[in-house]
Each structure stands twice: as structure tokens, then as C-alpha cells.
């Protein structure tokens, strides 16, 4: 099995935390990250969707396809996630 890259490992660490996801279509979703897959497909629960025209709606659950995601904002507390520590240690040695 191939090892997972840092972005995917960070997403897995973000499970059960509030995240904000901006789609290429301009929609923004903010909710609890229930599941993250290695393909960056995400499942959010208790979600608020803001359409590109500004219309807001509440959703119990939503499944977002990874290929349509522009960016993901994870909680600040994940700055100290173990998966980032190993990367920092490697860079200090170089």
C-alpha cells in the first residue's frame, strides 16, 4: 500500500472537526468533517452551504467530490498535528 501524502493525512486528522470547503463552482460548505477519503472526497454533517449568489441553506449531510474542491480550511489547532511534525523535522535536517 502506498503511503499517504501530508495533505491527505492532515485531512484524516481533521475528521470530527469543523472545516470550511470552497468548491470550484463557488459554493462554500462549513460543517463537521465526518469522513475524508484518499481521493479527497469528503462527507460533512450539520453543514451550512453558501451558494455563489449568497443564498444560504442548512444541510444535514453532504458528500463533496474531491475533484470539485478548490480549497479546504482546517482548524488552527491542527497546526501541531503529528503528520506535520515529521515534515518539519525533515526540513530542519536538510
PDB file of N, CA and C in Angstrom:
ATOM      1  N   UNK A   1       0.841  -1.191   0.000  1.00  0.00           N
ATOM      2  CA  UNK A   1       0.000   0.000   0.000  1.00  0.00           C
ATOM      3  C   UNK A   1       0.880   1.246   0.000  1.00  0.00           C
ATOM      4  N   UNK A   2       0.556   2.195  -0.814  1.00  0.00           N
ATOM      5  CA  UNK A   2       1.323   3.430  -0.893  1.00  0.00           C
ATOM      6  C   UNK A   2       1.094   4.273   0.356  1.00  0.00           C
ATOM      7  N   UNK A   3       2.131   5.029   0.720  1.00  0.00           N
ATOM      8  CA  UNK A   3       1.969   5.910   1.877  1.00  0.00           C
ATOM      9  C   UNK A   3       1.159   7.132   1.470  1.00  0.00           C
ATOM     10  N   UNK A   4       0.436   7.669   2.421  1.00  0.00           N
ATOM     11  CA  UNK A   4      -0.398   8.840   2.157  1.00  0.00           C
ATOM     12  C   UNK A   4       0.434  10.104   2.282  1.00  0.00           C
ATOM     13  N   UNK A   5       0.155  11.080   1.426  1.00  0.00           N
ATOM     14  CA  UNK A   5       0.846  12.349   1.485  1.00  0.00           C
ATOM     15  C   UNK A   5       0.374  13.185   2.666  1.00  0.00           C
ATOM     16  N   UNK A   6       1.108  14.237   2.954  1.00  0.00           N
ATOM     17  CA  UNK A   6       0.791  15.106   4.091  1.00  0.00           C
ATOM     18  C   UNK A   6      -0.605  15.715   3.980  1.00  0.00           C
ATOM     19  N   UNK A   7      -1.044  16.228   2.824  1.00  0.00           N
ATOM     20  CA  UNK A   7      -2.394  16.808   2.768  1.00  0.00           C
ATOM     21  C   UNK A   7      -3.491  15.809   3.131  1.00  0.00           C
ATOM     22  N   UNK A   8      -3.366  14.574   2.673  1.00  0.00           N
ATOM     23  CA  UNK A   8      -4.377  13.558   2.979  1.00  0.00           C
ATOM     24  C   UNK A   8      -4.324  13.197   4.455  1.00  0.00           C
ATOM     25  N   UNK A   9      -3.120  13.046   5.003  1.00  0.00           N
ATOM     26  CA  UNK A   9      -3.001  12.734   6.432  1.00  0.00           C
ATOM     27  C   UNK A   9      -3.577  13.859   7.284  1.00  0.00           C
ATOM     28  N   UNK A  10      -3.380  15.105   6.862  1.00  0.00           N
ATOM     29  CA  UNK A  10      -3.943  16.239   7.597  1.00  0.00           C
ATOM     30  C   UNK A  10      -5.468  16.207   7.548  1.00  0.00           C
ATOM     31  N   UNK A  11      -6.032  15.858   6.399  1.00  0.00           N
ATOM     32  CA  UNK A  11      -7.492  15.727   6.292  1.00  0.00           C
ATOM     33  C   UNK A  11      -8.017  14.637   7.218  1.00  0.00           C
ATOM     34  N   UNK A  12      -7.313  13.532   7.295  1.00  0.00           N
ATOM     35  CA  UNK A  12      -7.731  12.451   8.188  1.00  0.00           C
ATOM     36  C   UNK A  12      -7.675  12.904   9.646  1.00  0.00           C
ATOM     37  N   UNK A  13      -6.685  13.726   9.987  1.00  0.00           N
ATOM     38  CA  UNK A  13      -6.594  14.291  11.342  1.00  0.00           C
ATOM     39  C   UNK A  13      -7.753  15.252  11.614  1.00  0.00           C
ATOM     40  N   UNK A  14      -8.267  15.881  10.566  1.00  0.00           N
ATOM     41  CA  UNK A  14      -9.335  16.873  10.717  1.00  0.00           C
ATOM     42  C   UNK A  14     -10.714  16.246  10.885  1.00  0.00           C
ATOM     43  N   UNK A  15     -10.823  14.928  10.720  1.00  0.00           N
ATOM     44  CA  UNK A  15     -12.124  14.278  10.897  1.00  0.00           C
ATOM     45  C   UNK A  15     -12.662  14.570  12.291  1.00  0.00           C
ATOM     46  N   UNK A  16     -13.960  14.799  12.367  1.00  0.00           N
ATOM     47  CA  UNK A  16     -14.692  15.138  13.603  1.00  0.00           C
ATOM     48  C   UNK A  16     -14.455  16.579  14.051  1.00  0.00           C
ATOM     49  N   UNK A  17     -13.898  17.405  13.156  1.00  0.00           N
ATOM     50  CA  UNK A  17     -13.706  18.829  13.435  1.00  0.00           C
ATOM     51  C   UNK A  17     -14.435  19.652  12.379  1.00  0.00           C
ATOM     52  N   UNK A  18     -14.724  20.916  12.701  1.00  0.00           N
ATOM     53  CA  UNK A  18     -15.366  21.824  11.745  1.00  0.00           C
ATOM     54  C   UNK A  18     -14.355  22.244  10.687  1.00  0.00           C
ATOM     55  N   UNK A  19     -14.756  22.161   9.431  1.00  0.00           N
ATOM     56  CA  UNK A  19     -13.924  22.597   8.313  1.00  0.00           C
ATOM     57  C   UNK A  19     -14.759  23.459   7.368  1.00  0.00           C
ATOM     58  N   UNK A  20     -14.078  24.235   6.558  1.00  0.00           N
ATOM     59  CA  UNK A  20     -14.721  25.014   5.504  1.00  0.00           C
ATOM     60  C   UNK A  20     -14.156  24.531   4.176  1.00  0.00           C
ATOM     61  N   UNK A  21     -15.047  24.249   3.228  1.00  0.00           N
ATOM     62  CA  UNK A  21     -14.633  23.735   1.920  1.00  0.00           C
ATOM     63  C   UNK A  21     -15.181  24.661   0.843  1.00  0.00           C
ATOM     64  N   UNK A  22     -14.292  25.177   0.005  1.00  0.00           N
ATOM     65  CA  UNK A  22     -14.708  26.002  -1.130  1.00  0.00           C
ATOM     66  C   UNK A  22     -14.609  25.149  -2.387  1.00  0.00           C
ATOM     67  N   UNK A  23     -15.691  25.127  -3.144  1.00  0.00           N
ATOM     68  CA  UNK A  23     -15.747  24.336  -4.367  1.00  0.00           C
ATOM     69  C   UNK A  23     -15.342  25.190  -5.571  1.00  0.00           C
ATOM     70  N   UNK A  24     -14.939  24.549  -6.648  1.00  0.00           N
ATOM     71  CA  UNK A  24     -14.593  25.256  -7.883  1.00  0.00           C
ATOM     72  C   UNK A  24     -15.792  26.003  -8.450  1.00  0.00           C
ATOM     73  N   UNK A  25     -16.993  25.533  -8.121  1.00  0.00           N
ATOM     74  CA  UNK A  25     -18.228  26.170  -8.598  1.00  0.00           C
ATOM     75  C   UNK A  25     -18.537  27.468  -7.859  1.00  0.00           C
ATOM     76  N   UNK A  26     -17.805  27.743  -6.763  1.00  0.00           N
ATOM     77  CA  UNK A  26     -18.032  28.962  -5.994  1.00  0.00           C
ATOM     78  C   UNK A  26     -18.829  28.737  -4.720  1.00  0.00           C
ATOM     79  N   UNK A  27     -19.401  27.552  -4.557  1.00  0.00           N
ATOM     80  CA  UNK A  27     -20.135  27.246  -3.331  1.00  0.00           C
ATOM     81  C   UNK A  27     -19.156  27.043  -2.177  1.00  0.00           C
ATOM     82  N   UNK A  28     -19.612  27.390  -0.966  1.00  0.00           N
ATOM     83  CA  UNK A  28     -18.817  27.178   0.236  1.00  0.00           C
ATOM     84  C   UNK A  28     -19.624  26.342   1.211  1.00  0.00           C
ATOM     85  N   UNK A  29     -18.984  25.332   1.789  1.00  0.00           N
ATOM     86  CA  UNK A  29     -19.623  24.453   2.760  1.00  0.00           C
ATOM     87  C   UNK A  29     -18.853  24.532   4.068  1.00  0.00           C
ATOM     88  N   UNK A  30     -19.578  24.684   5.181  1.00  0.00           N
ATOM     89  CA  UNK A  30     -18.950  24.669   6.502  1.00  0.00           C
ATOM     90  C   UNK A  30     -19.696  23.668   7.360  1.00  0.00           C
ATOM     91  N   UNK A  31     -18.966  22.686   7.866  1.00  0.00           N
ATOM     92  CA  UNK A  31     -19.601  21.666   8.689  1.00  0.00           C
ATOM     93  C   UNK A  31     -18.594  20.742   9.335  1.00  0.00           C
ATOM     94  N   UNK A  32     -19.113  19.740  10.006  1.00  0.00           N
ATOM     95  CA  UNK A  32     -18.299  18.757  10.696  1.00  0.00           C
ATOM     96  C   UNK A  32     -17.814  17.716   9.690  1.00  0.00           C
ATOM     97  N   UNK A  33     -16.509  17.539   9.592  1.00  0.00           N
ATOM     98  CA  UNK A  33     -15.943  16.565   8.656  1.00  0.00           C
ATOM     99  C   UNK A  33     -16.169  15.159   9.204  1.00  0.00           C
ATOM    100  N   UNK A  34     -17.094  14.443   8.605  1.00  0.00           N
ATOM    101  CA  UNK A  34     -17.419  13.081   9.045  1.00  0.00           C
ATOM    102  C   UNK A  34     -16.426  12.073   8.497  1.00  0.00           C
ATOM    103  N   UNK A  35     -16.129  12.182   7.199  1.00  0.00           N
ATOM    104  CA  UNK A  35     -15.251  11.221   6.535  1.00  0.00           C
ATOM    105  C   UNK A  35     -14.405  11.930   5.487  1.00  0.00           C
ATOM    106  N   UNK A  36     -13.133  11.554   5.416  1.00  0.00           N
ATOM    107  CA  UNK A  36     -12.236  12.028   4.361  1.00  0.00           C
ATOM    108  C   UNK A  36     -11.632  10.797   3.695  1.00  0.00           C
ATOM    109  N   UNK A  37     -11.598  10.801   2.372  1.00  0.00           N
ATOM    110  CA  UNK A  37     -11.044   9.676   1.619  1.00  0.00           C
ATOM    111  C   UNK A  37      -9.723  10.088   0.980  1.00  0.00           C
ATOM    112  N   UNK A  38      -8.928   9.126   0.586  1.00  0.00           N
ATOM    113  CA  UNK A  38      -7.631   9.420  -0.025  1.00  0.00           C
ATOM    114  C   UNK A  38      -7.775  10.158  -1.355  1.00  0.00           C
ATOM    115  N   UNK A  39      -8.946  10.078  -1.977  1.00  0.00           N
ATOM    116  CA  UNK A  39      -9.220  10.806  -3.220  1.00  0.00           C
ATOM    117  C   UNK A  39      -9.711  12.227  -2.940  1.00  0.00           C
ATOM    118  N   UNK A  40      -9.700  12.626  -1.670  1.00  0.00           N
ATOM    119  CA  UNK A  40     -10.153  13.932  -1.176  1.00  0.00           C
ATOM    120  C   UNK A  40     -11.661  14.096  -1.246  1.00  0.00           C
ATOM    121  N   UNK A  41     -12.397  13.016  -1.491  1.00  0.00           N
ATOM    122  CA  UNK A  41     -13.851  13.078  -1.346  1.00  0.00           C
ATOM    123  C   UNK A  41     -14.137  13.267   0.134  1.00  0.00           C
ATOM    124  N   UNK A  42     -15.077  14.162   0.454  1.00  0.00           N
ATOM    125  CA  UNK A  42     -15.374  14.483   1.843  1.00  0.00           C
ATOM    126  C   UNK A  42     -16.851  14.319   2.127  1.00  0.00           C
ATOM    127  N   UNK A  43     -17.161  13.918   3.343  1.00  0.00           N
ATOM    128  CA  UNK A  43     -18.546  13.893   3.800  1.00  0.00           C
ATOM    129  C   UNK A  43     -18.631  14.815   5.004  1.00  0.00           C
ATOM    130  N   UNK A  44     -19.515  15.825   4.912  1.00  0.00           N
ATOM    131  CA  UNK A  44     -19.731  16.772   6.002  1.00  0.00           C
ATOM    132  C   UNK A  44     -21.111  16.556   6.586  1.00  0.00           C
ATOM    133  N   UNK A  45     -21.235  16.755   7.883  1.00  0.00           N
ATOM    134  CA  UNK A  45     -22.546  16.695   8.523  1.00  0.00           C
ATOM    135  C   UNK A  45     -22.818  18.033   9.199  1.00  0.00           C
ATOM    136  N   UNK A  46     -24.094  18.288   9.501  1.00  0.00           N
ATOM    137  CA  UNK A  46     -24.519  19.541  10.135  1.00  0.00           C
ATOM    138  C   UNK A  46     -23.871  20.725   9.413  1.00  0.00           C
ATOM    139  N   UNK A  47     -24.173  20.837   8.134  1.00  0.00           N
ATOM    140  CA  UNK A  47     -23.459  21.710   7.209  1.00  0.00           C
ATOM    141  C   UNK A  47     -24.279  22.933   6.799  1.00  0.00           C
ATOM    142  N   UNK A  48     -23.585  24.044   6.594  1.00  0.00           N
ATOM    143  CA  UNK A  48     -24.198  25.247   6.040  1.00  0.00           C
ATOM    144  C   UNK A  48     -23.554  25.492   4.681  1.00  0.00           C
ATOM    145  N   UNK A  49     -24.385  25.592   3.659  1.00  0.00           N
ATOM    146  CA  UNK A  49     -23.917  25.809   2.293  1.00  0.00           C
ATOM    147  C   UNK A  49     -24.238  27.239   1.882  1.00  0.00           C
ATOM    148  N   UNK A  50     -23.236  27.942   1.388  1.00  0.00           N
ATOM    149  CA  UNK A  50     -23.437  29.279   0.842  1.00  0.00           C
ATOM    150  C   UNK A  50     -23.177  29.199  -0.655  1.00  0.00           C
ATOM    151  N   UNK A  51     -24.214  29.450  -1.439  1.00  0.00           N
ATOM    152  CA  UNK A  51     -24.089  29.400  -2.900  1.00  0.00           C
ATOM    153  C   UNK A  51     -23.288  30.601  -3.389  1.00  0.00           C
ATOM    154  N   UNK A  52     -22.833  30.548  -4.621  1.00  0.00           N
ATOM    155  CA  UNK A  52     -22.041  31.644  -5.184  1.00  0.00           C
ATOM    156  C   UNK A  52     -22.837  32.943  -5.275  1.00  0.00           C
ATOM    157  N   UNK A  53     -24.176  32.842  -5.280  1.00  0.00           N
ATOM    158  CA  UNK A  53     -25.011  34.050  -5.314  1.00  0.00           C
ATOM    159  C   UNK A  53     -25.336  34.571  -3.915  1.00  0.00           C
ATOM    160  N   UNK A  54     -24.815  33.902  -2.872  1.00  0.00           N
ATOM    161  CA  UNK A  54     -25.016  34.352  -1.497  1.00  0.00           C
ATOM    162  C   UNK A  54     -26.143  33.662  -0.751  1.00  0.00           C
ATOM    163  N   UNK A  55     -26.918  32.847  -1.431  1.00  0.00           N
ATOM    164  CA  UNK A  55     -28.031  32.144  -0.784  1.00  0.00           C
ATOM    165  C   UNK A  55     -27.481  31.084   0.177  1.00  0.00           C
ATOM    166  N   UNK A  56     -28.027  31.070   1.397  1.00  0.00           N
ATOM    167  CA  UNK A  56     -27.552  30.155   2.439  1.00  0.00           C
ATOM    168  C   UNK A  56     -28.609  29.104   2.714  1.00  0.00           C
ATOM    169  N   UNK A  57     -28.165  27.850   2.878  1.00  0.00           N
ATOM    170  CA  UNK A  57     -29.093  26.780   3.256  1.00  0.00           C
ATOM    171  C   UNK A  57     -28.382  25.803   4.185  1.00  0.00           C
ATOM    172  N   UNK A  58     -29.173  25.182   5.039  1.00  0.00           N
ATOM    173  CA  UNK A  58     -28.643  24.220   6.005  1.00  0.00           C
ATOM    174  C   UNK A  58     -28.883  22.809   5.483  1.00  0.00           C
ATOM    175  N   UNK A  59     -27.884  21.951   5.651  1.00  0.00           N
ATOM    176  CA  UNK A  59     -27.982  20.561   5.196  1.00  0.00           C
ATOM    177  C   UNK A  59     -27.569  19.643   6.340  1.00  0.00           C
ATOM    178  N   UNK A  60     -28.266  18.526   6.468  1.00  0.00           N
ATOM    179  CA  UNK A  60     -27.888  17.543   7.490  1.00  0.00           C
ATOM    180  C   UNK A  60     -26.582  16.855   7.122  1.00  0.00           C
ATOM    181  N   UNK A  61     -26.424  16.528   5.842  1.00  0.00           N
ATOM    182  CA  UNK A  61     -25.211  15.857   5.374  1.00  0.00           C
ATOM    183  C   UNK A  61     -24.992  16.175   3.900  1.00  0.00           C
ATOM    184  N   UNK A  62     -23.731  16.190   3.500  1.00  0.00           N
ATOM    185  CA  UNK A  62     -23.394  16.432   2.101  1.00  0.00           C
ATOM    186  C   UNK A  62     -22.116  15.655   1.772  1.00  0.00           C
ATOM    187  N   UNK A  63     -22.055  15.142   0.543  1.00  0.00           N
ATOM    188  CA  UNK A  63     -20.882  14.419   0.051  1.00  0.00           C
ATOM    189  C   UNK A  63     -20.257  15.270  -1.043  1.00  0.00           C
ATOM    190  N   UNK A  64     -19.002  15.642  -0.876  1.00  0.00           N
ATOM    191  CA  UNK A  64     -18.322  16.512  -1.829  1.00  0.00           C
ATOM    192  C   UNK A  64     -17.248  15.722  -2.577  1.00  0.00           C
ATOM    193  N   UNK A  65     -17.303  15.783  -3.885  1.00  0.00           N
ATOM    194  CA  UNK A  65     -16.335  15.070  -4.722  1.00  0.00           C
ATOM    195  C   UNK A  65     -15.003  15.824  -4.712  1.00  0.00           C
ATOM    196  N   UNK A  66     -13.932  15.104  -4.489  1.00  0.00           N
ATOM    197  CA  UNK A  66     -12.613  15.708  -4.363  1.00  0.00           C
ATOM    198  C   UNK A  66     -12.178  16.514  -5.576  1.00  0.00           C
ATOM    199  N   UNK A  67     -12.551  16.095  -6.773  1.00  0.00           N
ATOM    200  CA  UNK A  67     -12.126  16.800  -7.984  1.00  0.00           C
ATOM    201  C   UNK A  67     -12.777  18.172  -8.121  1.00  0.00           C
ATOM    202  N   UNK A  68     -13.843  18.428  -7.374  1.00  0.00           N
ATOM    203  CA  UNK A  68     -14.522  19.718  -7.438  1.00  0.00           C
ATOM    204  C   UNK A  68     -14.109  20.689  -6.349  1.00  0.00           C
ATOM    205  N   UNK A  69     -13.176  20.278  -5.483  1.00  0.00           N
ATOM    206  CA  UNK A  69     -12.764  21.106  -4.348  1.00  0.00           C
ATOM    207  C   UNK A  69     -11.644  22.053  -4.754  1.00  0.00           C
ATOM    208  N   UNK A  70     -11.805  23.324  -4.405  1.00  0.00           N
ATOM    209  CA  UNK A  70     -10.758  24.324  -4.648  1.00  0.00           C
ATOM    210  C   UNK A  70      -9.823  24.405  -3.443  1.00  0.00           C
ATOM    211  N   UNK A  71     -10.391  24.536  -2.237  1.00  0.00           N
ATOM    212  CA  UNK A  71      -9.561  24.608  -1.039  1.00  0.00           C
ATOM    213  C   UNK A  71     -10.333  24.137   0.179  1.00  0.00           C
ATOM    214  N   UNK A  72      -9.583  23.748   1.203  1.00  0.00           N
ATOM    215  CA  UNK A  72     -10.158  23.279   2.463  1.00  0.00           C
ATOM    216  C   UNK A  72      -9.470  24.033   3.588  1.00  0.00           C
ATOM    217  N   UNK A  73     -10.261  24.618   4.475  1.00  0.00           N
ATOM    218  CA  UNK A  73      -9.730  25.308   5.649  1.00  0.00           C
ATOM    219  C   UNK A  73      -9.952  24.393   6.846  1.00  0.00           C
ATOM    220  N   UNK A  74      -8.856  23.981   7.480  1.00  0.00           N
ATOM    221  CA  UNK A  74      -8.935  23.100   8.648  1.00  0.00           C
ATOM    222  C   UNK A  74      -8.736  23.938   9.911  1.00  0.00           C
ATOM    223  N   UNK A  75      -9.121  23.410  11.074  1.00  0.00           N
ATOM    224  CA  UNK A  75      -8.966  24.171  12.317  1.00  0.00           C
ATOM    225  C   UNK A  75      -7.505  24.517  12.616  1.00  0.00           C
ATOM    226  N   UNK A  76      -7.304  25.665  13.235  1.00  0.00           N
ATOM    227  CA  UNK A  76      -5.970  26.153  13.594  1.00  0.00           C
ATOM    228  C   UNK A  76      -5.230  25.161  14.496  1.00  0.00           C
ATOM    229  N   UNK A  77      -5.973  24.456  15.335  1.00  0.00           N
ATOM    230  CA  UNK A  77      -5.337  23.521  16.276  1.00  0.00           C
ATOM    231  C   UNK A  77      -4.563  22.405  15.569  1.00  0.00           C
ATOM    232  N   UNK A  78      -4.847  22.162  14.300  1.00  0.00           N
ATOM    233  CA  UNK A  78      -4.147  21.103  13.565  1.00  0.00           C
ATOM    234  C   UNK A  78      -2.757  21.531  13.100  1.00  0.00           C
ATOM    235  N   UNK A  79      -2.382  22.747  13.403  1.00  0.00           N
ATOM    236  CA  UNK A  79      -1.034  23.206  13.055  1.00  0.00           C
ATOM    237  C   UNK A  79       0.008  22.356  13.776  1.00  0.00           C
ATOM    238  N   UNK A  80      -0.375  21.777  14.924  1.00  0.00           N
ATOM    239  CA  UNK A  80       0.528  20.925  15.695  1.00  0.00           C
ATOM    240  C   UNK A  80       0.247  19.441  15.483  1.00  0.00           C
ATOM    241  N   UNK A  81      -0.409  19.106  14.404  1.00  0.00           N
ATOM    242  CA  UNK A  81      -0.742  17.709  14.114  1.00  0.00           C
ATOM    243  C   UNK A  81       0.535  16.886  13.936  1.00  0.00           C
ATOM    244  N   UNK A  82       0.525  15.647  14.398  1.00  0.00           N
ATOM    245  CA  UNK A  82       1.713  14.793  14.276  1.00  0.00           C
ATOM    246  C   UNK A  82       2.219  14.651  12.838  1.00  0.00           C
ATOM    247  N   UNK A  83       1.317  14.616  11.871  1.00  0.00           N
ATOM    248  CA  UNK A  83       1.744  14.437  10.473  1.00  0.00           C
ATOM    249  C   UNK A  83       2.546  15.631   9.967  1.00  0.00           C
ATOM    250  N   UNK A  84       2.363  16.810  10.556  1.00  0.00           N
ATOM    251  CA  UNK A  84       3.138  17.984  10.157  1.00  0.00           C
ATOM    252  C   UNK A  84       4.479  18.035  10.876  1.00  0.00           C
ATOM    253  N   UNK A  85       4.547  17.483  12.066  1.00  0.00           N
ATOM    254  CA  UNK A  85       5.785  17.483  12.845  1.00  0.00           C
ATOM    255  C   UNK A  85       6.899  16.720  12.166  1.00  0.00           C
ATOM    256  N   UNK A  86       6.585  15.594  11.569  1.00  0.00           N
ATOM    257  CA  UNK A  86       7.597  14.791  10.886  1.00  0.00           C
ATOM    258  C   UNK A  86       8.161  15.548   9.695  1.00  0.00           C
ATOM    259  N   UNK A  87       7.313  16.265   8.983  1.00  0.00           N
ATOM    260  CA  UNK A  87       7.744  17.037   7.825  1.00  0.00           C
ATOM    261  C   UNK A  87       8.677  18.157   8.280  1.00  0.00           C
ATOM    262  N   UNK A  88       8.344  18.846   9.368  1.00  0.00           N
ATOM    263  CA  UNK A  88       9.171  19.942   9.874  1.00  0.00           C
ATOM    264  C   UNK A  88      10.537  19.425  10.301  1.00  0.00           C
ATOM    265  N   UNK A  89      10.563  18.275  10.949  1.00  0.00           N
ATOM    266  CA  UNK A  89      11.827  17.696  11.394  1.00  0.00           C
ATOM    267  C   UNK A  89      12.719  17.363  10.201  1.00  0.00           C
ATOM    268  N   UNK A  90      12.143  16.857   9.122  1.00  0.00           N
ATOM    269  CA  UNK A  90      12.915  16.536   7.919  1.00  0.00           C
ATOM    270  C   UNK A  90      13.533  17.800   7.329  1.00  0.00           C
ATOM    271  N   UNK A  91      12.769  18.874   7.293  1.00  0.00           N
ATOM    272  CA  UNK A  91      13.267  20.118   6.693  1.00  0.00           C
ATOM    273  C   UNK A  91      14.387  20.722   7.528  1.00  0.00           C
ATOM    274  N   UNK A  92      14.316  20.594   8.846  1.00  0.00           N
ATOM    275  CA  UNK A  92      15.359  21.148   9.712  1.00  0.00           C
ATOM    276  C   UNK A  92      16.680  20.428   9.492  1.00  0.00           C
ATOM    277  N   UNK A  93      16.620  19.123   9.206  1.00  0.00           N
ATOM    278  CA  UNK A  93      17.835  18.344   8.981  1.00  0.00           C
ATOM    279  C   UNK A  93      18.495  18.686   7.655  1.00  0.00           C
ATOM    280  N   UNK A  94      17.739  19.159   6.694  1.00  0.00           N
ATOM    281  CA  UNK A  94      18.282  19.419   5.345  1.00  0.00           C
ATOM    282  C   UNK A  94      19.077  20.686   5.272  1.00  0.00           C
TER     283      UNK A  94
END
